[in-house]
N, C-alpha and C. Protein backbone atom coordinates (compact mmCIF):
# COMPACT_ATOMS: atom_id res chain seq x y z
N VAL A 1 0.83 -1.20 0.00
CA VAL A 1 0.00 0.00 0.00
C VAL A 1 0.87 1.25 0.00
N ARG A 2 1.97 1.23 0.75
CA ARG A 2 2.84 2.41 0.84
C ARG A 2 3.49 2.74 -0.50
N THR A 3 3.75 1.72 -1.30
CA THR A 3 4.46 1.95 -2.55
C THR A 3 3.54 2.39 -3.68
N ILE A 4 2.24 2.15 -3.56
CA ILE A 4 1.33 2.46 -4.67
C ILE A 4 0.38 3.61 -4.35
N ALA A 5 0.35 4.07 -3.12
CA ALA A 5 -0.59 5.14 -2.75
C ALA A 5 0.06 6.11 -1.79
N GLU A 6 -0.25 7.38 -1.95
CA GLU A 6 0.24 8.40 -1.05
C GLU A 6 -0.79 8.66 0.05
N PRO A 7 -0.34 9.06 1.24
CA PRO A 7 -1.28 9.31 2.33
C PRO A 7 -2.01 10.64 2.16
N PHE A 8 -3.10 10.76 2.91
CA PHE A 8 -3.79 12.05 2.98
C PHE A 8 -2.89 13.03 3.73
N HIS A 9 -2.69 14.21 3.15
CA HIS A 9 -1.76 15.18 3.74
C HIS A 9 -2.54 16.25 4.50
N ARG A 10 -2.56 16.13 5.80
CA ARG A 10 -3.21 17.15 6.63
C ARG A 10 -2.39 18.45 6.58
N MET A 11 -3.09 19.54 6.73
CA MET A 11 -2.38 20.82 6.83
C MET A 11 -1.72 20.92 8.20
N PHE A 12 -0.66 21.71 8.28
CA PHE A 12 0.09 21.83 9.53
C PHE A 12 0.65 23.24 9.63
N SER A 13 1.13 23.58 10.81
CA SER A 13 1.75 24.89 11.03
C SER A 13 3.16 24.70 11.57
N LEU A 14 4.04 25.59 11.22
CA LEU A 14 5.44 25.45 11.61
C LEU A 14 5.67 25.71 13.09
N ASP A 15 4.75 26.38 13.76
CA ASP A 15 4.94 26.67 15.18
C ASP A 15 4.29 25.63 16.08
N ASN A 16 3.90 24.50 15.53
CA ASN A 16 3.30 23.43 16.32
C ASN A 16 4.42 22.64 17.00
N PRO A 17 4.58 22.73 18.32
CA PRO A 17 5.69 22.03 18.99
C PRO A 17 5.59 20.51 18.89
N ALA A 18 4.39 19.97 18.65
CA ALA A 18 4.23 18.52 18.56
C ALA A 18 4.84 17.95 17.28
N LEU A 19 5.19 18.83 16.33
CA LEU A 19 5.75 18.37 15.06
C LEU A 19 7.21 18.76 14.91
N GLN A 20 7.84 19.24 15.98
CA GLN A 20 9.19 19.78 15.88
C GLN A 20 10.28 18.85 16.38
N PHE A 21 9.98 17.57 16.52
CA PHE A 21 10.99 16.62 16.97
C PHE A 21 11.97 16.31 15.85
N PRO A 22 13.21 15.96 16.18
CA PRO A 22 14.20 15.64 15.13
C PRO A 22 13.86 14.32 14.45
N HIS A 23 14.25 14.22 13.21
CA HIS A 23 14.02 13.00 12.43
C HIS A 23 15.13 11.99 12.70
N ALA A 24 14.76 10.79 13.11
CA ALA A 24 15.73 9.74 13.39
C ALA A 24 16.01 8.95 12.12
N GLU A 25 17.24 9.02 11.64
CA GLU A 25 17.60 8.27 10.44
C GLU A 25 17.57 6.77 10.70
N VAL A 26 17.94 6.36 11.92
CA VAL A 26 17.91 4.96 12.32
C VAL A 26 16.81 4.80 13.36
N GLU A 27 15.82 3.95 13.06
CA GLU A 27 14.70 3.76 13.98
C GLU A 27 15.17 3.10 15.26
N ARG A 28 14.53 3.51 16.38
CA ARG A 28 14.84 2.88 17.66
C ARG A 28 14.37 1.43 17.68
N VAL A 29 13.18 1.18 17.14
CA VAL A 29 12.62 -0.17 17.09
C VAL A 29 12.22 -0.47 15.65
N PRO A 30 13.18 -0.77 14.74
CA PRO A 30 12.81 -1.09 13.38
C PRO A 30 12.02 -2.38 13.30
N VAL A 31 11.19 -2.52 12.25
CA VAL A 31 10.31 -3.67 12.13
C VAL A 31 11.06 -4.90 11.65
N SER A 32 11.97 -4.74 10.69
CA SER A 32 12.48 -5.92 9.99
C SER A 32 13.98 -6.14 10.08
N THR A 33 14.71 -5.34 10.87
CA THR A 33 16.15 -5.51 10.93
C THR A 33 16.50 -6.83 11.61
N ARG A 34 17.54 -7.52 11.12
CA ARG A 34 17.92 -8.81 11.69
C ARG A 34 18.41 -8.63 13.12
N PRO A 35 17.91 -9.46 14.07
CA PRO A 35 18.33 -9.34 15.46
C PRO A 35 19.74 -9.84 15.66
N PRO A 36 20.42 -9.33 16.68
CA PRO A 36 21.78 -9.78 16.95
C PRO A 36 21.82 -11.21 17.46
N ILE A 37 22.94 -11.87 17.24
CA ILE A 37 23.17 -13.25 17.64
C ILE A 37 24.37 -13.21 18.59
N PRO A 38 24.42 -14.06 19.63
CA PRO A 38 23.57 -15.20 19.86
C PRO A 38 22.37 -14.95 20.73
N SER A 39 22.21 -13.78 21.30
CA SER A 39 21.10 -13.54 22.21
C SER A 39 19.79 -13.47 21.44
N LEU A 40 18.91 -14.48 21.59
CA LEU A 40 17.68 -14.53 20.82
C LEU A 40 16.50 -13.93 21.56
N PHE A 41 16.54 -13.89 22.88
CA PHE A 41 15.39 -13.39 23.63
C PHE A 41 15.84 -12.42 24.72
N PRO A 42 16.38 -11.26 24.32
CA PRO A 42 16.82 -10.30 25.34
C PRO A 42 15.65 -9.57 25.93
N ILE A 43 15.91 -8.93 27.05
CA ILE A 43 14.87 -8.16 27.73
C ILE A 43 15.18 -6.68 27.53
N GLY A 44 14.15 -5.90 27.19
CA GLY A 44 14.33 -4.47 27.02
C GLY A 44 14.89 -3.83 28.28
N ILE A 45 15.71 -2.82 28.11
CA ILE A 45 16.35 -2.16 29.24
C ILE A 45 15.59 -0.89 29.56
N LEU A 46 14.97 -0.86 30.71
CA LEU A 46 14.15 0.28 31.11
C LEU A 46 15.02 1.35 31.74
N THR A 47 14.99 2.54 31.15
CA THR A 47 15.73 3.67 31.69
C THR A 47 14.75 4.70 32.19
N GLU A 48 15.27 5.85 32.62
CA GLU A 48 14.40 6.89 33.14
C GLU A 48 13.56 7.54 32.05
N THR A 49 14.01 7.48 30.81
CA THR A 49 13.32 8.21 29.76
C THR A 49 12.66 7.33 28.72
N THR A 50 13.14 6.10 28.54
CA THR A 50 12.60 5.30 27.44
C THR A 50 12.83 3.83 27.68
N LEU A 51 12.09 3.02 26.95
CA LEU A 51 12.29 1.58 26.97
C LEU A 51 13.05 1.20 25.71
N THR A 52 14.30 0.82 25.88
CA THR A 52 15.14 0.50 24.74
C THR A 52 15.00 -0.97 24.41
N ILE A 53 14.56 -1.28 23.20
CA ILE A 53 14.36 -2.65 22.76
C ILE A 53 15.43 -2.97 21.72
N PRO A 54 16.14 -4.10 21.85
CA PRO A 54 17.18 -4.44 20.90
C PRO A 54 16.65 -4.46 19.47
N THR A 55 17.54 -4.17 18.53
CA THR A 55 17.17 -3.95 17.14
C THR A 55 16.51 -5.18 16.52
N GLY A 56 15.39 -4.96 15.86
CA GLY A 56 14.79 -5.99 15.03
C GLY A 56 13.95 -7.02 15.74
N TYR A 57 13.61 -6.81 17.02
CA TYR A 57 12.91 -7.86 17.73
C TYR A 57 11.38 -7.77 17.60
N ASN A 58 10.90 -6.79 16.84
CA ASN A 58 9.46 -6.73 16.63
C ASN A 58 8.97 -7.94 15.85
N ILE A 59 9.65 -8.28 14.76
CA ILE A 59 9.27 -9.45 13.97
C ILE A 59 9.56 -10.73 14.75
N LEU A 60 10.67 -10.77 15.49
CA LEU A 60 11.01 -11.98 16.24
C LEU A 60 9.93 -12.31 17.26
N TYR A 61 9.50 -11.31 18.04
CA TYR A 61 8.50 -11.56 19.07
C TYR A 61 7.10 -11.73 18.49
N SER A 62 6.79 -11.03 17.39
CA SER A 62 5.42 -11.00 16.89
C SER A 62 5.13 -12.07 15.86
N ALA A 63 6.14 -12.57 15.16
CA ALA A 63 5.91 -13.54 14.10
C ALA A 63 6.69 -14.84 14.32
N VAL A 64 8.00 -14.72 14.54
CA VAL A 64 8.83 -15.92 14.65
C VAL A 64 8.51 -16.70 15.93
N LEU A 65 8.36 -16.00 17.05
CA LEU A 65 8.07 -16.68 18.31
C LEU A 65 6.74 -17.43 18.27
N PRO A 66 5.61 -16.81 17.83
CA PRO A 66 4.37 -17.58 17.70
C PRO A 66 4.50 -18.76 16.75
N LEU A 67 5.24 -18.56 15.64
CA LEU A 67 5.41 -19.65 14.68
C LEU A 67 6.15 -20.82 15.32
N LEU A 68 7.21 -20.54 16.07
CA LEU A 68 7.97 -21.62 16.71
C LEU A 68 7.14 -22.35 17.76
N ILE A 69 6.36 -21.61 18.54
CA ILE A 69 5.52 -22.25 19.56
C ILE A 69 4.47 -23.14 18.91
N ILE A 70 3.85 -22.66 17.84
CA ILE A 70 2.84 -23.45 17.14
C ILE A 70 3.45 -24.71 16.54
N LEU A 71 4.62 -24.57 15.92
CA LEU A 71 5.30 -25.74 15.34
C LEU A 71 5.69 -26.73 16.43
N LEU A 72 6.20 -26.23 17.55
CA LEU A 72 6.61 -27.10 18.65
C LEU A 72 5.44 -27.89 19.19
N TYR A 73 4.31 -27.21 19.36
CA TYR A 73 3.15 -27.90 19.93
C TYR A 73 2.55 -28.90 18.96
N THR A 74 2.39 -28.52 17.69
CA THR A 74 1.68 -29.37 16.74
C THR A 74 2.53 -30.53 16.23
N THR A 75 3.87 -30.43 16.35
CA THR A 75 4.72 -31.50 15.82
C THR A 75 5.38 -32.35 16.90
N LEU A 76 5.63 -31.78 18.10
CA LEU A 76 6.33 -32.53 19.14
C LEU A 76 5.49 -32.79 20.38
N ILE A 77 4.83 -31.76 20.88
CA ILE A 77 4.10 -31.91 22.14
C ILE A 77 2.79 -32.66 21.94
N HIS A 78 2.06 -32.29 20.93
CA HIS A 78 0.76 -32.93 20.69
C HIS A 78 0.59 -33.19 19.21
N PRO A 79 1.38 -34.11 18.64
CA PRO A 79 1.29 -34.37 17.21
C PRO A 79 -0.04 -35.03 16.84
N SER A 80 -0.44 -34.86 15.61
CA SER A 80 -1.70 -35.43 15.14
C SER A 80 -1.59 -36.94 15.02
N THR A 81 -2.68 -37.65 15.37
CA THR A 81 -2.73 -39.11 15.24
C THR A 81 -3.41 -39.53 13.95
N ALA A 82 -3.67 -38.57 13.06
CA ALA A 82 -4.31 -38.89 11.79
C ALA A 82 -3.36 -39.67 10.90
N PRO A 83 -3.87 -40.29 9.83
CA PRO A 83 -2.99 -40.98 8.89
C PRO A 83 -1.92 -40.05 8.35
N SER A 84 -0.85 -40.65 7.84
CA SER A 84 0.30 -39.86 7.42
C SER A 84 -0.05 -38.82 6.37
N THR A 85 -1.07 -39.10 5.54
CA THR A 85 -1.44 -38.15 4.50
C THR A 85 -2.07 -36.89 5.08
N ASN A 86 -2.67 -36.98 6.29
CA ASN A 86 -3.33 -35.84 6.91
C ASN A 86 -2.62 -35.36 8.16
N ARG A 87 -1.43 -35.88 8.43
CA ARG A 87 -0.74 -35.58 9.68
C ARG A 87 -0.33 -34.13 9.79
N PHE A 88 -0.04 -33.52 8.65
CA PHE A 88 0.44 -32.15 8.67
C PHE A 88 -0.67 -31.15 8.34
N HIS A 89 -1.91 -31.63 8.33
CA HIS A 89 -3.02 -30.72 7.99
C HIS A 89 -3.20 -29.65 9.07
N LYS A 90 -3.19 -30.06 10.34
CA LYS A 90 -3.41 -29.08 11.41
C LYS A 90 -2.28 -28.05 11.49
N PRO A 91 -0.98 -28.48 11.48
CA PRO A 91 0.07 -27.45 11.45
C PRO A 91 -0.03 -26.55 10.23
N HIS A 92 -0.42 -27.13 9.11
CA HIS A 92 -0.50 -26.36 7.87
C HIS A 92 -1.54 -25.26 7.97
N VAL A 93 -2.75 -25.59 8.38
CA VAL A 93 -3.81 -24.58 8.44
C VAL A 93 -3.56 -23.59 9.57
N THR A 94 -2.91 -24.04 10.64
CA THR A 94 -2.62 -23.14 11.76
C THR A 94 -1.60 -22.08 11.36
N ILE A 95 -0.55 -22.51 10.67
CA ILE A 95 0.47 -21.56 10.22
C ILE A 95 -0.09 -20.62 9.15
N LEU A 96 -0.95 -21.15 8.28
CA LEU A 96 -1.60 -20.28 7.29
C LEU A 96 -2.43 -19.21 7.98
N GLY A 97 -3.11 -19.59 9.06
CA GLY A 97 -3.90 -18.62 9.82
C GLY A 97 -3.03 -17.52 10.40
N LEU A 98 -1.85 -17.90 10.91
CA LEU A 98 -0.92 -16.90 11.45
C LEU A 98 -0.44 -15.95 10.35
N LEU A 99 -0.09 -16.50 9.21
CA LEU A 99 0.39 -15.67 8.10
C LEU A 99 -0.71 -14.73 7.61
N ILE A 100 -1.93 -15.23 7.51
CA ILE A 100 -3.05 -14.38 7.09
C ILE A 100 -3.27 -13.26 8.09
N SER A 101 -3.17 -13.58 9.38
CA SER A 101 -3.35 -12.57 10.41
C SER A 101 -2.31 -11.46 10.28
N LEU A 102 -1.04 -11.84 10.07
CA LEU A 102 0.04 -10.85 9.96
C LEU A 102 -0.09 -10.01 8.69
N LEU A 103 -0.36 -10.68 7.56
CA LEU A 103 -0.44 -9.96 6.29
C LEU A 103 -1.67 -9.06 6.23
N LEU A 104 -2.80 -9.56 6.71
CA LEU A 104 -4.02 -8.75 6.68
C LEU A 104 -3.89 -7.54 7.60
N THR A 105 -3.27 -7.74 8.76
CA THR A 105 -3.08 -6.63 9.68
C THR A 105 -2.16 -5.57 9.08
N SER A 106 -1.07 -6.01 8.44
CA SER A 106 -0.16 -5.06 7.80
C SER A 106 -0.86 -4.28 6.70
N PHE A 107 -1.68 -4.97 5.91
CA PHE A 107 -2.42 -4.29 4.83
C PHE A 107 -3.40 -3.27 5.39
N LEU A 108 -4.19 -3.67 6.39
CA LEU A 108 -5.18 -2.76 6.95
C LEU A 108 -4.51 -1.58 7.67
N THR A 109 -3.40 -1.85 8.35
CA THR A 109 -2.69 -0.77 9.05
C THR A 109 -2.19 0.28 8.06
N ASP A 110 -1.56 -0.16 6.98
CA ASP A 110 -1.06 0.79 5.99
C ASP A 110 -2.20 1.52 5.30
N THR A 111 -3.32 0.83 5.09
CA THR A 111 -4.48 1.47 4.46
C THR A 111 -5.02 2.59 5.34
N PHE A 112 -5.18 2.31 6.63
CA PHE A 112 -5.70 3.32 7.54
C PHE A 112 -4.69 4.45 7.75
N LYS A 113 -3.40 4.13 7.72
CA LYS A 113 -2.38 5.18 7.81
C LYS A 113 -2.57 6.19 6.67
N ASN A 114 -2.79 5.69 5.46
CA ASN A 114 -2.98 6.58 4.32
C ASN A 114 -4.29 7.35 4.40
N LEU A 115 -5.34 6.71 4.89
CA LEU A 115 -6.64 7.38 4.97
C LEU A 115 -6.66 8.46 6.04
N ILE A 116 -6.02 8.19 7.18
CA ILE A 116 -6.06 9.14 8.31
C ILE A 116 -5.08 10.27 8.11
N GLY A 117 -3.87 9.96 7.66
CA GLY A 117 -2.89 11.00 7.37
C GLY A 117 -2.46 11.82 8.57
N ARG A 118 -2.31 11.17 9.71
CA ARG A 118 -1.88 11.89 10.91
C ARG A 118 -0.38 12.19 10.84
N PRO A 119 0.05 13.44 11.05
CA PRO A 119 1.48 13.77 10.96
C PRO A 119 2.29 13.12 12.06
N ARG A 120 3.52 12.77 11.73
CA ARG A 120 4.46 12.25 12.73
C ARG A 120 5.05 13.41 13.51
N PRO A 121 5.59 13.13 14.70
CA PRO A 121 6.20 14.21 15.50
C PRO A 121 7.41 14.85 14.83
N ASP A 122 8.03 14.18 13.86
CA ASP A 122 9.20 14.74 13.19
C ASP A 122 8.85 15.27 11.79
N LEU A 123 7.59 15.64 11.59
CA LEU A 123 7.15 16.06 10.26
C LEU A 123 7.95 17.24 9.73
N LEU A 124 8.21 18.24 10.57
CA LEU A 124 8.92 19.43 10.09
C LEU A 124 10.35 19.09 9.67
N ALA A 125 10.99 18.18 10.40
CA ALA A 125 12.34 17.77 10.03
C ALA A 125 12.34 16.99 8.72
N ARG A 126 11.27 16.26 8.47
CA ARG A 126 11.15 15.53 7.20
C ARG A 126 10.81 16.49 6.06
N CYS A 127 9.93 17.45 6.33
CA CYS A 127 9.41 18.35 5.31
C CYS A 127 10.47 19.33 4.81
N LYS A 128 11.24 19.90 5.73
CA LYS A 128 12.22 20.94 5.40
C LYS A 128 11.54 22.09 4.63
N PRO A 129 10.70 22.85 5.32
CA PRO A 129 9.91 23.90 4.65
C PRO A 129 10.79 24.95 3.98
N VAL A 130 10.22 25.57 2.98
CA VAL A 130 10.91 26.64 2.27
C VAL A 130 11.20 27.78 3.25
N PRO A 131 12.43 28.33 3.27
CA PRO A 131 12.73 29.46 4.15
C PRO A 131 11.77 30.62 3.89
N GLY A 132 11.30 31.21 4.97
CA GLY A 132 10.38 32.33 4.85
C GLY A 132 8.93 31.93 4.95
N THR A 133 8.64 30.61 5.10
CA THR A 133 7.25 30.17 5.25
C THR A 133 6.68 30.71 6.54
N GLN A 134 5.48 31.26 6.49
CA GLN A 134 4.85 31.81 7.69
C GLN A 134 4.60 30.70 8.70
N SER A 135 4.96 30.98 9.95
CA SER A 135 4.88 29.96 10.99
C SER A 135 3.57 29.98 11.76
N HIS A 136 2.74 30.99 11.57
CA HIS A 136 1.52 31.10 12.36
C HIS A 136 0.26 30.82 11.54
N LYS A 137 0.43 30.14 10.41
CA LYS A 137 -0.73 29.80 9.61
C LYS A 137 -0.60 28.36 9.11
N LEU A 138 -1.73 27.76 8.78
CA LEU A 138 -1.71 26.40 8.26
C LEU A 138 -1.17 26.38 6.84
N VAL A 139 -0.28 25.43 6.59
CA VAL A 139 0.31 25.29 5.26
C VAL A 139 0.13 23.85 4.79
N THR A 140 0.43 23.62 3.54
CA THR A 140 0.27 22.29 2.95
C THR A 140 1.62 21.68 2.62
N ILE A 141 1.59 20.52 2.03
CA ILE A 141 2.82 19.82 1.65
C ILE A 141 3.59 20.58 0.57
N ASP A 142 2.95 21.53 -0.06
CA ASP A 142 3.60 22.29 -1.14
C ASP A 142 4.80 23.09 -0.64
N VAL A 143 4.89 23.38 0.66
CA VAL A 143 6.01 24.16 1.18
C VAL A 143 7.23 23.29 1.47
N CYS A 144 7.09 21.98 1.33
CA CYS A 144 8.19 21.07 1.67
C CYS A 144 9.21 21.00 0.54
N THR A 145 10.47 20.87 0.92
CA THR A 145 11.55 20.79 -0.06
C THR A 145 12.25 19.43 -0.06
N GLU A 146 11.83 18.52 0.82
CA GLU A 146 12.45 17.20 0.88
C GLU A 146 12.26 16.46 -0.45
N LYS A 147 13.35 15.91 -0.99
CA LYS A 147 13.31 15.22 -2.28
C LYS A 147 13.01 13.73 -2.14
N GLY A 148 13.31 13.16 -0.98
CA GLY A 148 13.05 11.74 -0.79
C GLY A 148 11.56 11.46 -0.69
N HIS A 149 11.02 10.70 -1.63
CA HIS A 149 9.57 10.46 -1.67
C HIS A 149 9.09 9.76 -0.41
N HIS A 150 9.74 8.67 -0.03
CA HIS A 150 9.30 7.90 1.14
C HIS A 150 9.49 8.70 2.42
N THR A 151 10.64 9.37 2.55
CA THR A 151 10.91 10.15 3.76
C THR A 151 9.85 11.22 3.97
N LEU A 152 9.46 11.90 2.91
CA LEU A 152 8.48 12.97 3.02
C LEU A 152 7.08 12.44 3.29
N HIS A 153 6.59 11.53 2.47
CA HIS A 153 5.21 11.09 2.58
C HIS A 153 4.98 10.21 3.82
N ASP A 154 6.03 9.54 4.28
CA ASP A 154 5.88 8.74 5.50
C ASP A 154 5.67 9.62 6.72
N GLY A 155 5.91 10.91 6.58
CA GLY A 155 5.65 11.84 7.69
C GLY A 155 4.18 12.00 8.00
N TRP A 156 3.28 11.51 7.13
CA TRP A 156 1.84 11.56 7.39
C TRP A 156 1.27 10.16 7.65
N ARG A 157 2.13 9.27 8.13
CA ARG A 157 1.67 7.90 8.42
C ARG A 157 1.97 7.56 9.88
N SER A 158 1.47 8.39 10.79
CA SER A 158 1.76 8.20 12.20
C SER A 158 0.79 7.24 12.89
N PHE A 159 -0.45 7.21 12.43
CA PHE A 159 -1.49 6.43 13.11
C PHE A 159 -2.29 5.63 12.09
N PRO A 160 -2.60 4.36 12.43
CA PRO A 160 -2.27 3.61 13.64
C PRO A 160 -0.83 3.09 13.63
N SER A 161 -0.36 2.70 14.80
CA SER A 161 1.02 2.25 14.94
C SER A 161 1.23 0.91 14.25
N GLY A 162 2.22 0.86 13.36
CA GLY A 162 2.53 -0.40 12.69
C GLY A 162 3.15 -1.42 13.63
N HIS A 163 4.01 -0.96 14.55
CA HIS A 163 4.63 -1.88 15.51
C HIS A 163 3.58 -2.52 16.40
N SER A 164 2.66 -1.71 16.93
CA SER A 164 1.66 -2.23 17.86
C SER A 164 0.70 -3.19 17.18
N SER A 165 0.24 -2.82 15.98
CA SER A 165 -0.73 -3.67 15.29
C SER A 165 -0.09 -4.99 14.85
N PHE A 166 1.18 -4.94 14.41
CA PHE A 166 1.86 -6.17 14.00
C PHE A 166 2.07 -7.10 15.19
N ALA A 167 2.45 -6.52 16.33
CA ALA A 167 2.63 -7.33 17.53
C ALA A 167 1.30 -7.93 17.99
N PHE A 168 0.23 -7.13 17.92
CA PHE A 168 -1.07 -7.63 18.34
C PHE A 168 -1.56 -8.75 17.43
N SER A 169 -1.29 -8.65 16.13
CA SER A 169 -1.78 -9.67 15.21
C SER A 169 -1.11 -11.02 15.46
N GLY A 170 0.22 -11.01 15.69
CA GLY A 170 0.92 -12.26 15.92
C GLY A 170 0.68 -12.84 17.30
N LEU A 171 0.87 -12.01 18.34
CA LEU A 171 0.70 -12.50 19.71
C LEU A 171 -0.78 -12.70 20.05
N GLY A 172 -1.66 -11.89 19.45
CA GLY A 172 -3.09 -12.10 19.65
C GLY A 172 -3.54 -13.41 19.05
N TYR A 173 -3.03 -13.75 17.86
CA TYR A 173 -3.35 -15.03 17.24
C TYR A 173 -2.85 -16.18 18.10
N LEU A 174 -1.63 -16.03 18.64
CA LEU A 174 -1.09 -17.07 19.51
C LEU A 174 -1.95 -17.25 20.76
N SER A 175 -2.43 -16.15 21.32
CA SER A 175 -3.30 -16.23 22.50
C SER A 175 -4.60 -16.96 22.18
N LEU A 176 -5.21 -16.62 21.05
CA LEU A 176 -6.44 -17.31 20.65
C LEU A 176 -6.19 -18.78 20.36
N TYR A 177 -5.05 -19.07 19.75
CA TYR A 177 -4.70 -20.46 19.48
C TYR A 177 -4.52 -21.23 20.79
N GLY A 178 -3.98 -20.55 21.82
CA GLY A 178 -3.80 -21.21 23.11
C GLY A 178 -5.09 -21.68 23.72
N HIS A 179 -6.19 -20.98 23.43
CA HIS A 179 -7.48 -21.39 23.98
C HIS A 179 -8.05 -22.62 23.29
N THR A 180 -7.44 -23.05 22.19
CA THR A 180 -7.90 -24.26 21.51
C THR A 180 -7.13 -25.49 21.97
N ILE A 181 -6.08 -25.30 22.79
CA ILE A 181 -5.27 -26.43 23.23
C ILE A 181 -6.03 -27.24 24.26
N PRO A 182 -6.22 -28.51 24.04
CA PRO A 182 -6.92 -29.33 25.03
C PRO A 182 -6.07 -29.56 26.26
N TYR A 183 -6.71 -29.75 27.40
CA TYR A 183 -5.99 -30.03 28.64
C TYR A 183 -5.78 -31.54 28.73
N LEU A 184 -4.50 -31.96 28.71
CA LEU A 184 -4.19 -33.38 28.73
C LEU A 184 -3.58 -33.76 30.07
N GLY A 185 -3.95 -34.94 30.54
CA GLY A 185 -3.41 -35.43 31.80
C GLY A 185 -2.29 -36.42 31.58
N GLY A 186 -2.01 -37.26 32.60
CA GLY A 186 -0.93 -38.22 32.51
C GLY A 186 -1.21 -39.27 31.45
N GLY A 187 -0.15 -39.77 30.83
CA GLY A 187 -0.28 -40.82 29.84
C GLY A 187 -0.74 -40.33 28.48
N GLY A 188 -0.90 -39.03 28.31
CA GLY A 188 -1.30 -38.53 27.01
C GLY A 188 -2.76 -38.72 26.69
N LYS A 189 -3.57 -39.12 27.67
CA LYS A 189 -5.00 -39.32 27.44
C LYS A 189 -5.75 -38.08 27.87
N GLU A 190 -6.73 -37.74 27.07
CA GLU A 190 -7.48 -36.54 27.34
C GLU A 190 -8.42 -36.76 28.52
N LYS A 191 -8.46 -35.84 29.42
CA LYS A 191 -9.35 -35.89 30.57
C LYS A 191 -10.50 -34.94 30.37
N LYS A 192 -11.68 -35.44 30.55
CA LYS A 192 -12.84 -34.59 30.43
C LYS A 192 -13.04 -33.82 31.72
N LYS A 193 -13.19 -32.55 31.60
CA LYS A 193 -13.39 -31.70 32.77
C LYS A 193 -14.67 -30.92 32.59
N THR A 194 -15.30 -30.69 33.70
CA THR A 194 -16.55 -29.94 33.63
C THR A 194 -16.30 -28.49 33.29
N ASN A 195 -15.17 -27.95 33.74
CA ASN A 195 -14.82 -26.57 33.47
C ASN A 195 -13.63 -26.52 32.53
N SER A 196 -13.63 -25.56 31.64
CA SER A 196 -12.51 -25.40 30.72
C SER A 196 -11.27 -24.95 31.49
N PRO A 197 -10.08 -25.49 31.16
CA PRO A 197 -8.86 -25.09 31.88
C PRO A 197 -8.52 -23.63 31.61
N SER A 198 -7.91 -23.02 32.59
CA SER A 198 -7.50 -21.63 32.45
C SER A 198 -6.26 -21.54 31.57
N PRO A 199 -5.99 -20.37 31.01
CA PRO A 199 -4.76 -20.21 30.22
C PRO A 199 -3.50 -20.54 31.00
N MET A 200 -3.49 -20.26 32.32
CA MET A 200 -2.33 -20.58 33.13
C MET A 200 -2.10 -22.09 33.22
N GLU A 201 -3.19 -22.85 33.32
CA GLU A 201 -3.06 -24.30 33.36
C GLU A 201 -2.51 -24.83 32.05
N LYS A 202 -2.99 -24.26 30.96
CA LYS A 202 -2.47 -24.68 29.65
C LYS A 202 -1.00 -24.34 29.53
N TRP A 203 -0.59 -23.16 30.00
CA TRP A 203 0.82 -22.77 29.92
C TRP A 203 1.69 -23.69 30.76
N ARG A 204 1.21 -24.06 31.95
CA ARG A 204 1.98 -24.99 32.79
C ARG A 204 2.13 -26.33 32.10
N TYR A 205 1.06 -26.77 31.42
CA TYR A 205 1.14 -28.05 30.71
C TYR A 205 2.18 -27.99 29.60
N ILE A 206 2.18 -26.90 28.83
CA ILE A 206 3.13 -26.77 27.73
C ILE A 206 4.56 -26.73 28.26
N THR A 207 4.81 -25.96 29.32
CA THR A 207 6.17 -25.87 29.85
C THR A 207 6.64 -27.23 30.40
N ARG A 208 5.73 -27.99 31.02
CA ARG A 208 6.11 -29.32 31.52
C ARG A 208 6.48 -30.23 30.35
N LYS A 209 5.70 -30.15 29.27
CA LYS A 209 6.00 -30.98 28.12
C LYS A 209 7.34 -30.60 27.50
N CYS A 210 7.59 -29.31 27.41
CA CYS A 210 8.88 -28.85 26.86
C CYS A 210 10.04 -29.33 27.71
N ALA A 211 9.86 -29.28 29.04
CA ALA A 211 10.94 -29.73 29.94
C ALA A 211 11.19 -31.22 29.80
N SER A 212 10.12 -31.99 29.54
CA SER A 212 10.28 -33.44 29.40
C SER A 212 11.00 -33.82 28.11
N LEU A 213 11.00 -32.90 27.12
CA LEU A 213 11.68 -33.20 25.85
C LEU A 213 13.17 -32.92 25.91
N THR A 214 13.60 -32.16 26.92
CA THR A 214 15.02 -31.80 27.01
C THR A 214 15.80 -32.81 27.85
């Protein structure tokens, strides 16, 4: 969507302090940058001013982690007892569901970003207005001198958050998938319970199974 359509350009004023933040050439939390190795699951470092998250872990936590958990459960912890021709049907449709969730969320997020056209806090740094532009009146994109197409037009794609929606689509799908996991007792036989197990009980079951495989 970003490559084929431009966002709605709201008018803005140069004296708006909410738009006067500096433009960061390197994102603090990029979506797709490869994470460092060997640390695969670091914890963000909380400081007095910000939560610093290691580079590239948005995709790792939102897509790769749910995918690994789903694969682990469907192939090792609770593999299908169906004939060999249908054994991979459940993992197949489950992973397809995760991919659809991620792709559809990304598409809808970019679509709404273009429709809403909310300016980013660094819009003025991206725009680079023509010297002499009046600061106390609303102006349009016509006053901008930035030559980079993506840098300029991405300044009107602030809402909704791509990081938040992508994380919600992957981890939300994993949460919903967790509610479909049956509660199994000793010996691998399913126990019928009058009440549905809580998510915590399911998580304890999964961690016990993982520990037994190591």
